[in-house]
N, C-alpha and C. Protein backbone atom coordinates (compact mmCIF):
# COMPACT_ATOMS: atom_id res chain seq x y z
N MET A 1 -9.09 -18.82 -11.77
CA MET A 1 -9.80 -17.54 -11.85
C MET A 1 -11.02 -17.70 -12.76
N ASN A 2 -12.21 -17.32 -12.28
CA ASN A 2 -13.40 -17.50 -13.10
C ASN A 2 -13.45 -16.47 -14.23
N GLN A 3 -14.29 -16.77 -15.21
CA GLN A 3 -14.37 -15.93 -16.41
C GLN A 3 -14.79 -14.50 -16.10
N PHE A 4 -15.73 -14.33 -15.15
CA PHE A 4 -16.18 -12.99 -14.79
C PHE A 4 -15.03 -12.14 -14.26
N LYS A 5 -14.18 -12.74 -13.41
CA LYS A 5 -13.05 -11.99 -12.85
C LYS A 5 -12.05 -11.62 -13.93
N LYS A 6 -11.83 -12.51 -14.88
CA LYS A 6 -10.91 -12.22 -15.99
C LYS A 6 -11.41 -11.03 -16.80
N ILE A 7 -12.72 -11.03 -17.08
CA ILE A 7 -13.31 -9.92 -17.84
C ILE A 7 -13.20 -8.62 -17.06
N LYS A 8 -13.43 -8.68 -15.74
CA LYS A 8 -13.35 -7.49 -14.88
C LYS A 8 -11.94 -6.91 -14.90
N ILE A 9 -10.92 -7.77 -14.84
CA ILE A 9 -9.54 -7.30 -14.86
C ILE A 9 -9.21 -6.65 -16.20
N LYS A 10 -9.67 -7.27 -17.31
CA LYS A 10 -9.39 -6.72 -18.64
C LYS A 10 -10.07 -5.37 -18.82
N LEU A 11 -11.29 -5.24 -18.30
CA LEU A 11 -11.99 -3.96 -18.40
C LEU A 11 -11.28 -2.89 -17.58
N TYR A 12 -10.76 -3.27 -16.40
CA TYR A 12 -10.03 -2.32 -15.57
C TYR A 12 -8.77 -1.85 -16.29
N LEU A 13 -8.03 -2.78 -16.90
CA LEU A 13 -6.81 -2.42 -17.62
C LEU A 13 -7.13 -1.52 -18.80
N PHE A 14 -8.24 -1.81 -19.49
CA PHE A 14 -8.66 -0.97 -20.62
C PHE A 14 -9.00 0.44 -20.13
N LYS A 15 -9.69 0.53 -19.00
CA LYS A 15 -10.03 1.83 -18.42
C LYS A 15 -8.77 2.61 -18.07
N GLN A 16 -7.78 1.94 -17.47
CA GLN A 16 -6.54 2.60 -17.11
C GLN A 16 -5.79 3.09 -18.34
N MET A 17 -5.84 2.32 -19.44
CA MET A 17 -5.18 2.74 -20.66
C MET A 17 -5.85 3.97 -21.25
N LEU A 18 -7.18 3.99 -21.24
CA LEU A 18 -7.90 5.17 -21.73
C LEU A 18 -7.57 6.41 -20.91
N ARG A 19 -7.47 6.25 -19.59
CA ARG A 19 -7.11 7.38 -18.74
C ARG A 19 -5.70 7.87 -19.06
N SER A 20 -4.79 6.93 -19.35
CA SER A 20 -3.42 7.31 -19.68
C SER A 20 -3.36 8.09 -20.99
N ILE A 21 -4.28 7.81 -21.90
CA ILE A 21 -4.27 8.47 -23.20
C ILE A 21 -4.91 9.86 -23.13
N PHE A 22 -6.03 9.98 -22.40
CA PHE A 22 -6.82 11.21 -22.48
C PHE A 22 -6.72 12.13 -21.27
N ASP A 23 -6.38 11.59 -20.09
CA ASP A 23 -6.43 12.40 -18.87
C ASP A 23 -5.06 12.89 -18.44
N TYR A 24 -5.06 13.95 -17.66
CA TYR A 24 -3.89 14.40 -16.92
C TYR A 24 -4.23 14.34 -15.44
N PRO A 25 -3.25 14.00 -14.59
CA PRO A 25 -3.49 14.15 -13.14
C PRO A 25 -3.69 15.62 -12.80
N GLU A 26 -4.16 15.89 -11.61
CA GLU A 26 -4.33 17.27 -11.17
C GLU A 26 -2.98 17.97 -11.18
N MET A 27 -2.92 19.13 -11.81
CA MET A 27 -1.66 19.85 -11.93
C MET A 27 -1.27 20.48 -10.59
N LYS A 28 -0.12 20.07 -10.05
CA LYS A 28 0.40 20.63 -8.82
C LYS A 28 1.88 20.89 -8.99
N THR A 29 2.38 21.93 -8.32
CA THR A 29 3.79 22.23 -8.40
C THR A 29 4.57 21.46 -7.35
N TYR A 30 5.88 21.41 -7.51
CA TYR A 30 6.73 20.67 -6.58
C TYR A 30 6.58 21.19 -5.15
N GLU A 31 6.44 22.52 -4.99
CA GLU A 31 6.35 23.09 -3.65
C GLU A 31 5.12 22.60 -2.91
N GLU A 32 4.08 22.20 -3.65
CA GLU A 32 2.85 21.77 -3.01
C GLU A 32 2.87 20.27 -2.70
N GLN A 33 3.98 19.61 -3.05
CA GLN A 33 4.03 18.16 -2.95
C GLN A 33 5.22 17.71 -2.12
N ASN A 34 5.17 16.49 -1.67
CA ASN A 34 6.33 15.84 -1.07
C ASN A 34 6.17 14.34 -1.30
N TYR A 35 7.22 13.58 -1.01
CA TYR A 35 7.19 12.17 -1.34
C TYR A 35 6.26 11.36 -0.44
N ASP A 36 6.02 11.83 0.78
CA ASP A 36 5.02 11.16 1.60
C ASP A 36 3.66 11.22 0.92
N GLU A 37 3.31 12.39 0.39
CA GLU A 37 2.03 12.53 -0.30
C GLU A 37 2.00 11.68 -1.56
N TYR A 38 3.15 11.59 -2.24
CA TYR A 38 3.23 10.77 -3.45
C TYR A 38 2.86 9.32 -3.14
N TRP A 39 3.47 8.76 -2.08
CA TRP A 39 3.20 7.36 -1.74
C TRP A 39 1.78 7.19 -1.21
N LYS A 40 1.29 8.17 -0.45
CA LYS A 40 -0.10 8.08 0.02
C LYS A 40 -1.08 8.12 -1.15
N HIS A 41 -0.72 8.90 -2.19
CA HIS A 41 -1.55 8.98 -3.38
C HIS A 41 -1.72 7.61 -4.02
N ARG A 42 -0.72 6.76 -3.86
CA ARG A 42 -0.78 5.42 -4.44
C ARG A 42 -1.54 4.43 -3.56
N ASN A 43 -2.05 4.91 -2.43
CA ASN A 43 -2.88 4.10 -1.54
C ASN A 43 -2.18 2.81 -1.10
N LEU A 44 -0.89 2.92 -0.76
CA LEU A 44 -0.14 1.73 -0.38
C LEU A 44 -0.42 1.33 1.06
N ASN A 45 -0.43 0.03 1.31
CA ASN A 45 -0.49 -0.52 2.66
C ASN A 45 0.18 -1.88 2.64
N LEU A 46 0.23 -2.55 3.77
CA LEU A 46 0.94 -3.83 3.83
C LEU A 46 0.31 -4.91 2.96
N ALA A 47 -0.95 -4.73 2.60
CA ALA A 47 -1.62 -5.71 1.75
C ALA A 47 -1.41 -5.43 0.26
N THR A 48 -0.80 -4.26 -0.05
CA THR A 48 -0.60 -3.89 -1.45
C THR A 48 0.39 -4.84 -2.12
N LYS A 49 0.03 -5.31 -3.31
CA LYS A 49 0.92 -6.19 -4.07
C LYS A 49 1.46 -5.45 -5.28
N MET A 50 2.59 -5.92 -5.79
CA MET A 50 3.16 -5.34 -6.98
C MET A 50 2.25 -5.59 -8.17
N ASN A 51 2.27 -4.67 -9.15
CA ASN A 51 1.49 -4.92 -10.35
C ASN A 51 2.21 -5.95 -11.22
N SER A 52 1.59 -6.36 -12.32
CA SER A 52 2.13 -7.45 -13.14
C SER A 52 3.50 -7.11 -13.70
N PHE A 53 3.70 -5.84 -14.10
CA PHE A 53 4.99 -5.45 -14.65
C PHE A 53 6.08 -5.46 -13.59
N GLN A 54 5.77 -4.94 -12.40
CA GLN A 54 6.75 -4.95 -11.32
C GLN A 54 7.12 -6.38 -10.94
N LYS A 55 6.13 -7.27 -10.93
CA LYS A 55 6.38 -8.67 -10.62
C LYS A 55 7.26 -9.31 -11.71
N TRP A 56 6.97 -9.01 -12.97
CA TRP A 56 7.80 -9.55 -14.07
C TRP A 56 9.24 -9.09 -13.91
N ARG A 57 9.43 -7.83 -13.55
CA ARG A 57 10.78 -7.28 -13.41
C ARG A 57 11.49 -7.94 -12.24
N ALA A 58 10.79 -8.16 -11.15
CA ALA A 58 11.41 -8.83 -9.99
C ALA A 58 11.78 -10.27 -10.34
N ASP A 59 10.89 -10.96 -11.06
CA ASP A 59 11.18 -12.34 -11.46
C ASP A 59 12.38 -12.40 -12.40
N ALA A 60 12.48 -11.42 -13.30
CA ALA A 60 13.63 -11.37 -14.20
C ALA A 60 14.93 -11.16 -13.43
N SER A 61 14.88 -10.34 -12.38
CA SER A 61 16.06 -10.10 -11.56
C SER A 61 16.48 -11.37 -10.82
N LEU A 62 15.49 -12.14 -10.37
CA LEU A 62 15.79 -13.36 -9.61
C LEU A 62 16.66 -14.34 -10.37
N LYS A 63 16.59 -14.30 -11.70
CA LYS A 63 17.38 -15.23 -12.50
C LYS A 63 18.88 -15.00 -12.31
N TYR A 64 19.25 -13.79 -11.91
CA TYR A 64 20.66 -13.43 -11.80
C TYR A 64 21.15 -13.35 -10.35
N ILE A 65 20.21 -13.35 -9.40
CA ILE A 65 20.58 -13.15 -8.00
C ILE A 65 20.89 -14.48 -7.33
N GLU A 66 22.02 -14.55 -6.67
CA GLU A 66 22.42 -15.77 -5.97
C GLU A 66 21.79 -15.83 -4.58
N ASN A 67 21.65 -17.04 -4.07
CA ASN A 67 21.12 -17.22 -2.72
C ASN A 67 21.98 -16.50 -1.69
N ASP A 68 21.34 -16.07 -0.62
CA ASP A 68 22.01 -15.45 0.53
C ASP A 68 22.71 -14.14 0.17
N SER A 69 22.26 -13.47 -0.87
CA SER A 69 22.84 -12.19 -1.27
C SER A 69 22.25 -11.05 -0.45
N THR A 70 23.02 -9.98 -0.29
CA THR A 70 22.51 -8.75 0.32
C THR A 70 21.95 -7.86 -0.78
N LEU A 71 20.81 -7.22 -0.49
CA LEU A 71 20.09 -6.42 -1.49
C LEU A 71 19.89 -5.00 -0.99
N LEU A 72 20.13 -4.03 -1.85
CA LEU A 72 19.89 -2.63 -1.53
C LEU A 72 19.02 -2.03 -2.63
N ASP A 73 17.86 -1.50 -2.24
CA ASP A 73 16.92 -0.93 -3.20
C ASP A 73 16.86 0.58 -3.01
N LEU A 74 17.40 1.34 -3.99
CA LEU A 74 17.36 2.80 -3.94
C LEU A 74 16.00 3.29 -4.42
N GLY A 75 15.40 4.21 -3.69
CA GLY A 75 14.05 4.64 -4.02
C GLY A 75 13.08 3.49 -3.84
N SER A 76 13.22 2.80 -2.73
CA SER A 76 12.54 1.52 -2.50
C SER A 76 11.04 1.63 -2.32
N GLY A 77 10.55 2.81 -1.91
CA GLY A 77 9.14 2.89 -1.57
C GLY A 77 8.84 2.02 -0.36
N ASP A 78 7.77 1.24 -0.46
CA ASP A 78 7.29 0.47 0.69
C ASP A 78 8.02 -0.85 0.91
N GLY A 79 9.02 -1.16 0.08
CA GLY A 79 9.81 -2.38 0.28
C GLY A 79 9.14 -3.64 -0.24
N SER A 80 8.07 -3.50 -1.01
CA SER A 80 7.35 -4.69 -1.47
C SER A 80 8.19 -5.56 -2.38
N MET A 81 9.05 -4.95 -3.21
CA MET A 81 9.89 -5.77 -4.09
C MET A 81 10.92 -6.56 -3.29
N LEU A 82 11.54 -5.93 -2.30
CA LEU A 82 12.52 -6.63 -1.47
C LEU A 82 11.86 -7.80 -0.74
N GLN A 83 10.65 -7.58 -0.25
CA GLN A 83 9.93 -8.65 0.42
C GLN A 83 9.63 -9.79 -0.55
N TYR A 84 9.23 -9.44 -1.77
CA TYR A 84 8.93 -10.46 -2.77
C TYR A 84 10.16 -11.29 -3.11
N LEU A 85 11.29 -10.62 -3.33
CA LEU A 85 12.53 -11.33 -3.65
C LEU A 85 12.95 -12.25 -2.51
N SER A 86 12.82 -11.77 -1.27
CA SER A 86 13.21 -12.57 -0.11
C SER A 86 12.27 -13.76 0.09
N ASP A 87 11.01 -13.61 -0.31
CA ASP A 87 10.07 -14.73 -0.21
C ASP A 87 10.34 -15.80 -1.26
N LYS A 88 10.87 -15.38 -2.40
CA LYS A 88 11.09 -16.32 -3.50
C LYS A 88 12.42 -17.07 -3.41
N LYS A 89 13.40 -16.47 -2.73
CA LYS A 89 14.72 -17.08 -2.66
C LYS A 89 15.37 -16.68 -1.34
N PRO A 90 16.11 -17.58 -0.68
CA PRO A 90 16.76 -17.20 0.58
C PRO A 90 17.78 -16.08 0.37
N MET A 91 17.60 -14.99 1.10
CA MET A 91 18.45 -13.82 0.95
C MET A 91 19.13 -13.48 2.27
N GLY A 92 20.20 -12.71 2.14
CA GLY A 92 20.82 -12.14 3.32
C GLY A 92 20.05 -10.88 3.70
N GLU A 93 20.74 -9.83 4.07
CA GLU A 93 20.07 -8.60 4.50
C GLU A 93 19.44 -7.87 3.32
N ALA A 94 18.23 -7.37 3.51
CA ALA A 94 17.54 -6.54 2.52
C ALA A 94 17.43 -5.13 3.08
N ILE A 95 17.84 -4.12 2.30
CA ILE A 95 17.90 -2.74 2.76
C ILE A 95 17.09 -1.85 1.85
N ALA A 96 16.19 -1.07 2.42
CA ALA A 96 15.37 -0.11 1.68
C ALA A 96 15.88 1.29 1.93
N ALA A 97 16.09 2.06 0.87
CA ALA A 97 16.55 3.45 0.98
C ALA A 97 15.57 4.36 0.27
N ASP A 98 15.00 5.31 1.01
CA ASP A 98 14.01 6.22 0.43
C ASP A 98 13.97 7.48 1.28
N ILE A 99 13.34 8.52 0.75
CA ILE A 99 13.24 9.78 1.50
C ILE A 99 11.91 9.90 2.23
N SER A 100 10.96 9.02 1.91
CA SER A 100 9.62 9.11 2.47
C SER A 100 9.48 8.33 3.77
N ASP A 101 9.15 9.03 4.85
CA ASP A 101 8.90 8.37 6.13
C ASP A 101 7.73 7.40 6.03
N TYR A 102 6.70 7.82 5.28
CA TYR A 102 5.51 6.99 5.13
C TYR A 102 5.86 5.65 4.47
N ALA A 103 6.63 5.70 3.38
CA ALA A 103 7.01 4.47 2.68
C ALA A 103 7.94 3.61 3.53
N LEU A 104 8.90 4.25 4.18
CA LEU A 104 9.85 3.49 4.99
C LEU A 104 9.19 2.84 6.20
N ASP A 105 8.16 3.46 6.73
CA ASP A 105 7.43 2.84 7.83
C ASP A 105 6.78 1.53 7.38
N LEU A 106 6.25 1.51 6.17
CA LEU A 106 5.69 0.28 5.63
C LEU A 106 6.78 -0.78 5.43
N ALA A 107 7.95 -0.33 4.95
CA ALA A 107 9.06 -1.27 4.75
C ALA A 107 9.51 -1.88 6.08
N LYS A 108 9.58 -1.06 7.13
CA LYS A 108 9.95 -1.57 8.45
C LYS A 108 8.98 -2.63 8.93
N LYS A 109 7.68 -2.39 8.69
CA LYS A 109 6.67 -3.37 9.10
C LYS A 109 6.80 -4.67 8.33
N ARG A 110 7.47 -4.64 7.18
CA ARG A 110 7.74 -5.85 6.41
C ARG A 110 9.00 -6.56 6.91
N GLY A 111 9.65 -5.97 7.91
CA GLY A 111 10.86 -6.57 8.46
C GLY A 111 12.11 -6.22 7.70
N ILE A 112 12.09 -5.11 6.97
CA ILE A 112 13.22 -4.70 6.14
C ILE A 112 13.97 -3.56 6.83
N LYS A 113 15.30 -3.63 6.78
CA LYS A 113 16.13 -2.55 7.32
C LYS A 113 16.00 -1.33 6.43
N THR A 114 15.89 -0.14 7.02
CA THR A 114 15.65 1.07 6.23
C THR A 114 16.68 2.17 6.51
N TYR A 115 16.90 2.98 5.49
CA TYR A 115 17.71 4.20 5.59
C TYR A 115 16.91 5.33 4.97
N LYS A 116 16.74 6.43 5.71
CA LYS A 116 16.11 7.60 5.13
C LYS A 116 17.19 8.47 4.50
N VAL A 117 17.20 8.53 3.17
CA VAL A 117 18.22 9.31 2.45
C VAL A 117 17.58 9.99 1.24
N ASN A 118 18.13 11.11 0.88
CA ASN A 118 17.81 11.77 -0.38
C ASN A 118 18.76 11.18 -1.43
N ILE A 119 18.29 10.24 -2.22
CA ILE A 119 19.19 9.50 -3.11
C ILE A 119 19.75 10.37 -4.23
N SER A 120 19.17 11.56 -4.45
CA SER A 120 19.73 12.45 -5.46
C SER A 120 20.93 13.24 -4.94
N ASN A 121 21.21 13.11 -3.63
CA ASN A 121 22.34 13.79 -3.02
C ASN A 121 23.51 12.81 -2.87
N PRO A 122 24.61 12.99 -3.61
CA PRO A 122 25.73 12.04 -3.56
C PRO A 122 26.29 11.85 -2.15
N ASP A 123 26.30 12.92 -1.34
CA ASP A 123 26.82 12.80 0.03
C ASP A 123 25.97 11.86 0.87
N GLU A 124 24.65 11.89 0.66
CA GLU A 124 23.78 11.01 1.42
C GLU A 124 23.88 9.57 0.93
N LEU A 125 24.11 9.38 -0.36
CA LEU A 125 24.31 8.02 -0.86
C LEU A 125 25.46 7.34 -0.15
N ASN A 126 26.48 8.11 0.20
CA ASN A 126 27.68 7.53 0.79
C ASN A 126 27.48 6.98 2.20
N ILE A 127 26.33 7.26 2.82
CA ILE A 127 26.08 6.68 4.14
C ILE A 127 25.50 5.26 4.02
N LEU A 128 25.11 4.87 2.81
CA LEU A 128 24.52 3.55 2.61
C LEU A 128 25.60 2.49 2.54
N PRO A 129 25.33 1.31 3.07
CA PRO A 129 26.32 0.24 3.03
C PRO A 129 26.40 -0.39 1.64
N PRO A 130 27.53 -0.97 1.28
CA PRO A 130 27.61 -1.72 0.01
C PRO A 130 26.73 -2.95 0.08
N ALA A 131 26.39 -3.51 -1.07
CA ALA A 131 25.54 -4.70 -1.12
C ALA A 131 25.94 -5.55 -2.32
N ASP A 132 25.53 -6.80 -2.29
CA ASP A 132 25.81 -7.66 -3.44
C ASP A 132 25.11 -7.14 -4.68
N TYR A 133 23.83 -6.78 -4.53
CA TYR A 133 23.06 -6.28 -5.66
C TYR A 133 22.36 -4.98 -5.27
N ILE A 134 22.38 -4.02 -6.18
CA ILE A 134 21.70 -2.74 -5.96
C ILE A 134 20.64 -2.56 -7.04
N PHE A 135 19.43 -2.16 -6.61
CA PHE A 135 18.32 -1.95 -7.53
C PHE A 135 18.04 -0.46 -7.68
N MET A 136 17.78 -0.05 -8.92
CA MET A 136 17.47 1.35 -9.23
C MET A 136 16.31 1.39 -10.22
N PHE A 137 15.18 0.84 -9.84
CA PHE A 137 14.04 0.79 -10.74
C PHE A 137 13.20 2.05 -10.63
N GLU A 138 12.93 2.67 -11.78
CA GLU A 138 12.07 3.85 -11.86
C GLU A 138 12.57 5.01 -11.01
N ILE A 139 13.88 5.22 -11.00
CA ILE A 139 14.39 6.37 -10.24
C ILE A 139 15.35 7.24 -11.05
N ILE A 140 16.12 6.69 -11.99
CA ILE A 140 17.16 7.51 -12.62
C ILE A 140 16.57 8.63 -13.47
N GLU A 141 15.31 8.48 -13.90
CA GLU A 141 14.66 9.56 -14.63
C GLU A 141 14.14 10.64 -13.70
N HIS A 142 14.20 10.41 -12.40
CA HIS A 142 13.67 11.35 -11.41
C HIS A 142 14.76 12.20 -10.75
N VAL A 143 16.02 11.91 -11.03
CA VAL A 143 17.10 12.59 -10.32
C VAL A 143 18.07 13.24 -11.29
N PRO A 144 18.71 14.33 -10.90
CA PRO A 144 19.77 14.90 -11.72
C PRO A 144 21.02 14.03 -11.64
N ASN A 145 21.89 14.13 -12.62
CA ASN A 145 23.16 13.40 -12.63
C ASN A 145 22.95 11.89 -12.45
N SER A 146 22.04 11.35 -13.24
CA SER A 146 21.70 9.94 -13.10
C SER A 146 22.88 9.02 -13.40
N GLU A 147 23.74 9.43 -14.35
CA GLU A 147 24.90 8.60 -14.65
C GLU A 147 25.85 8.51 -13.46
N SER A 148 25.98 9.60 -12.71
CA SER A 148 26.82 9.58 -11.51
C SER A 148 26.26 8.61 -10.47
N MET A 149 24.93 8.59 -10.35
CA MET A 149 24.31 7.66 -9.42
C MET A 149 24.56 6.21 -9.84
N LEU A 150 24.47 5.95 -11.14
CA LEU A 150 24.75 4.60 -11.63
C LEU A 150 26.19 4.20 -11.36
N ASN A 151 27.10 5.13 -11.59
CA ASN A 151 28.51 4.83 -11.30
C ASN A 151 28.73 4.56 -9.82
N TRP A 152 28.02 5.31 -8.95
CA TRP A 152 28.11 5.05 -7.51
C TRP A 152 27.63 3.64 -7.21
N ALA A 153 26.51 3.25 -7.81
CA ALA A 153 25.95 1.92 -7.56
C ALA A 153 26.90 0.83 -8.03
N ILE A 154 27.53 1.03 -9.16
CA ILE A 154 28.48 0.03 -9.67
C ILE A 154 29.66 -0.12 -8.72
N ARG A 155 30.14 1.00 -8.17
CA ARG A 155 31.27 0.94 -7.24
C ARG A 155 30.89 0.26 -5.93
N ASN A 156 29.63 0.37 -5.54
CA ASN A 156 29.21 -0.12 -4.23
C ASN A 156 28.45 -1.45 -4.28
N SER A 157 28.30 -2.01 -5.46
CA SER A 157 27.69 -3.34 -5.58
C SER A 157 28.79 -4.36 -5.82
N LYS A 158 28.67 -5.51 -5.18
CA LYS A 158 29.69 -6.54 -5.30
C LYS A 158 29.43 -7.48 -6.49
N LYS A 159 28.16 -7.58 -6.89
CA LYS A 159 27.84 -8.55 -7.93
C LYS A 159 27.05 -7.97 -9.11
N GLY A 160 26.28 -6.92 -8.89
CA GLY A 160 25.51 -6.39 -10.01
C GLY A 160 24.57 -5.26 -9.65
N VAL A 161 24.17 -4.51 -10.68
CA VAL A 161 23.23 -3.41 -10.54
C VAL A 161 22.09 -3.63 -11.53
N PHE A 162 20.87 -3.46 -11.05
CA PHE A 162 19.69 -3.56 -11.90
C PHE A 162 19.03 -2.19 -11.97
N PHE A 163 18.70 -1.72 -13.19
CA PHE A 163 18.06 -0.42 -13.31
C PHE A 163 17.10 -0.42 -14.50
N SER A 164 16.21 0.56 -14.52
CA SER A 164 15.26 0.70 -15.61
C SER A 164 15.35 2.12 -16.17
N VAL A 165 14.86 2.29 -17.39
CA VAL A 165 14.80 3.61 -18.04
C VAL A 165 13.37 3.85 -18.52
N PRO A 166 12.96 5.10 -18.70
CA PRO A 166 11.59 5.39 -19.11
C PRO A 166 11.28 4.79 -20.48
N ASN A 167 10.05 4.33 -20.65
CA ASN A 167 9.62 3.76 -21.92
C ASN A 167 8.64 4.71 -22.60
N THR A 168 9.17 5.78 -23.18
CA THR A 168 8.31 6.75 -23.86
C THR A 168 7.69 6.16 -25.11
N GLY A 169 8.26 5.06 -25.60
CA GLY A 169 7.72 4.43 -26.79
C GLY A 169 6.52 3.53 -26.52
N PHE A 170 6.07 3.44 -25.25
CA PHE A 170 4.94 2.59 -24.93
C PHE A 170 3.70 3.06 -25.69
N ILE A 171 2.81 2.13 -26.01
CA ILE A 171 1.68 2.42 -26.91
C ILE A 171 0.82 3.59 -26.45
N THR A 172 0.59 3.72 -25.13
CA THR A 172 -0.26 4.83 -24.68
C THR A 172 0.40 6.18 -24.96
N HIS A 173 1.73 6.26 -24.83
CA HIS A 173 2.44 7.52 -25.11
C HIS A 173 2.41 7.82 -26.60
N ARG A 174 2.53 6.78 -27.44
CA ARG A 174 2.47 6.98 -28.89
C ARG A 174 1.08 7.46 -29.31
N LEU A 175 0.05 6.90 -28.69
CA LEU A 175 -1.31 7.33 -29.01
C LEU A 175 -1.56 8.76 -28.57
N ARG A 176 -0.97 9.16 -27.44
CA ARG A 176 -1.10 10.54 -26.99
C ARG A 176 -0.49 11.48 -28.03
N LEU A 177 0.67 11.10 -28.59
CA LEU A 177 1.32 11.93 -29.60
C LEU A 177 0.45 12.05 -30.85
N VAL A 178 -0.18 10.94 -31.25
CA VAL A 178 -1.07 10.95 -32.41
C VAL A 178 -2.20 11.95 -32.19
N LEU A 179 -2.68 12.04 -30.95
CA LEU A 179 -3.78 12.95 -30.62
C LEU A 179 -3.29 14.36 -30.29
N GLY A 180 -1.98 14.60 -30.47
CA GLY A 180 -1.43 15.93 -30.20
C GLY A 180 -1.20 16.22 -28.74
N ARG A 181 -1.10 15.16 -27.91
CA ARG A 181 -0.87 15.33 -26.48
C ARG A 181 0.56 14.91 -26.13
N PHE A 182 1.08 15.51 -25.08
CA PHE A 182 2.44 15.19 -24.65
C PHE A 182 2.44 13.86 -23.91
N PRO A 183 3.48 13.00 -24.10
CA PRO A 183 3.55 11.74 -23.34
C PRO A 183 3.46 12.00 -21.84
N LEU A 184 2.71 11.18 -21.15
CA LEU A 184 2.47 11.37 -19.72
C LEU A 184 3.16 10.27 -18.93
N GLN A 185 4.16 10.65 -18.12
CA GLN A 185 4.87 9.65 -17.33
C GLN A 185 4.94 10.03 -15.86
N TRP A 186 4.14 11.00 -15.44
CA TRP A 186 4.15 11.41 -14.04
C TRP A 186 2.83 11.07 -13.40
N ARG A 187 2.86 10.90 -12.09
CA ARG A 187 1.68 10.46 -11.36
C ARG A 187 1.04 11.57 -10.53
N VAL A 188 1.86 12.40 -9.88
CA VAL A 188 1.32 13.41 -8.98
C VAL A 188 1.66 14.82 -9.45
N TYR A 189 2.92 15.07 -9.83
CA TYR A 189 3.29 16.40 -10.30
C TYR A 189 4.32 16.28 -11.43
N PRO A 190 4.27 17.20 -12.40
CA PRO A 190 5.07 17.05 -13.62
C PRO A 190 6.56 16.94 -13.40
N SER A 191 7.10 17.58 -12.37
CA SER A 191 8.55 17.56 -12.17
C SER A 191 9.07 16.24 -11.64
N GLU A 192 8.20 15.22 -11.54
CA GLU A 192 8.69 13.89 -11.17
C GLU A 192 9.72 13.39 -12.18
N ILE A 193 9.51 13.68 -13.46
CA ILE A 193 10.40 13.21 -14.51
C ILE A 193 11.36 14.33 -14.87
N LEU A 194 12.65 14.11 -14.66
CA LEU A 194 13.65 15.15 -14.90
C LEU A 194 14.42 14.93 -16.18
N VAL A 195 14.77 13.68 -16.48
CA VAL A 195 15.68 13.41 -17.60
C VAL A 195 15.21 12.18 -18.35
N GLU A 196 15.73 12.03 -19.56
CA GLU A 196 15.52 10.82 -20.33
C GLU A 196 16.77 9.95 -20.31
N SER A 197 17.68 10.24 -19.39
CA SER A 197 18.82 9.37 -19.10
C SER A 197 19.70 9.12 -20.31
N THR A 198 20.26 10.19 -20.86
CA THR A 198 21.14 10.05 -22.01
C THR A 198 22.50 9.55 -21.59
N GLY A 199 23.19 8.88 -22.50
CA GLY A 199 24.54 8.41 -22.23
C GLY A 199 24.61 7.13 -21.43
N LEU A 200 23.49 6.46 -21.19
CA LEU A 200 23.51 5.27 -20.36
C LEU A 200 24.18 4.10 -21.04
N GLU A 201 24.37 4.19 -22.37
CA GLU A 201 25.06 3.10 -23.06
C GLU A 201 26.51 2.99 -22.60
N LYS A 202 27.02 4.03 -21.94
CA LYS A 202 28.39 4.00 -21.46
C LYS A 202 28.52 3.29 -20.11
N ILE A 203 27.40 3.03 -19.47
CA ILE A 203 27.41 2.43 -18.15
C ILE A 203 27.31 0.91 -18.28
N ARG A 204 28.24 0.19 -17.69
CA ARG A 204 28.24 -1.26 -17.75
C ARG A 204 27.50 -1.80 -16.52
N ALA A 205 26.24 -2.14 -16.70
CA ALA A 205 25.43 -2.66 -15.60
C ALA A 205 24.31 -3.48 -16.21
N LYS A 206 23.55 -4.12 -15.36
CA LYS A 206 22.44 -4.96 -15.82
C LYS A 206 21.18 -4.12 -15.90
N ALA A 207 20.62 -3.98 -17.11
CA ALA A 207 19.42 -3.17 -17.31
C ALA A 207 18.22 -4.05 -17.56
N ILE A 208 17.13 -3.77 -16.87
CA ILE A 208 15.88 -4.51 -17.06
C ILE A 208 14.75 -3.48 -17.26
């Protein structure tokens, strides 16, 4: 990578950090939004790649995943992580579960099996097949009864569950507090974030 491109990337990251500190997205209520619009807002397409943090998280997961394993990604979005994992290591079936038709259509084009489900509804979770590994990245803060969902995943995974929790302590959120602003963790509408996932220390699973 040439020096000019490195500088351009650093300036872009700096710009994004400044926006995270000082700006708010356009305020919209839940009724005016849906998950198709959420994914379209992110301008995803088949050429879209994971960001550096998403890639780091996928690489960290690979250390624990055995070859020829079945993978189930709850709140999968466009299936880019499942595709990345399958490209890096021989896998069995990869399954994407999401409520967005737009995101699932992208996952299908990646050759991934899809299920359209509302993952916050326990009854709909039960239509999903068990898998060796279940992923729950950036979703438990978006749904009610997140501990129940984690327990469901533990019961339905044969080898392990990977999940993430919100990082309100990240530097941009701390700087917002210094400036008297509320930490910002939503992208399209404020009700994206429902909980801070209390009691997760009681859940025995793999956290990344």
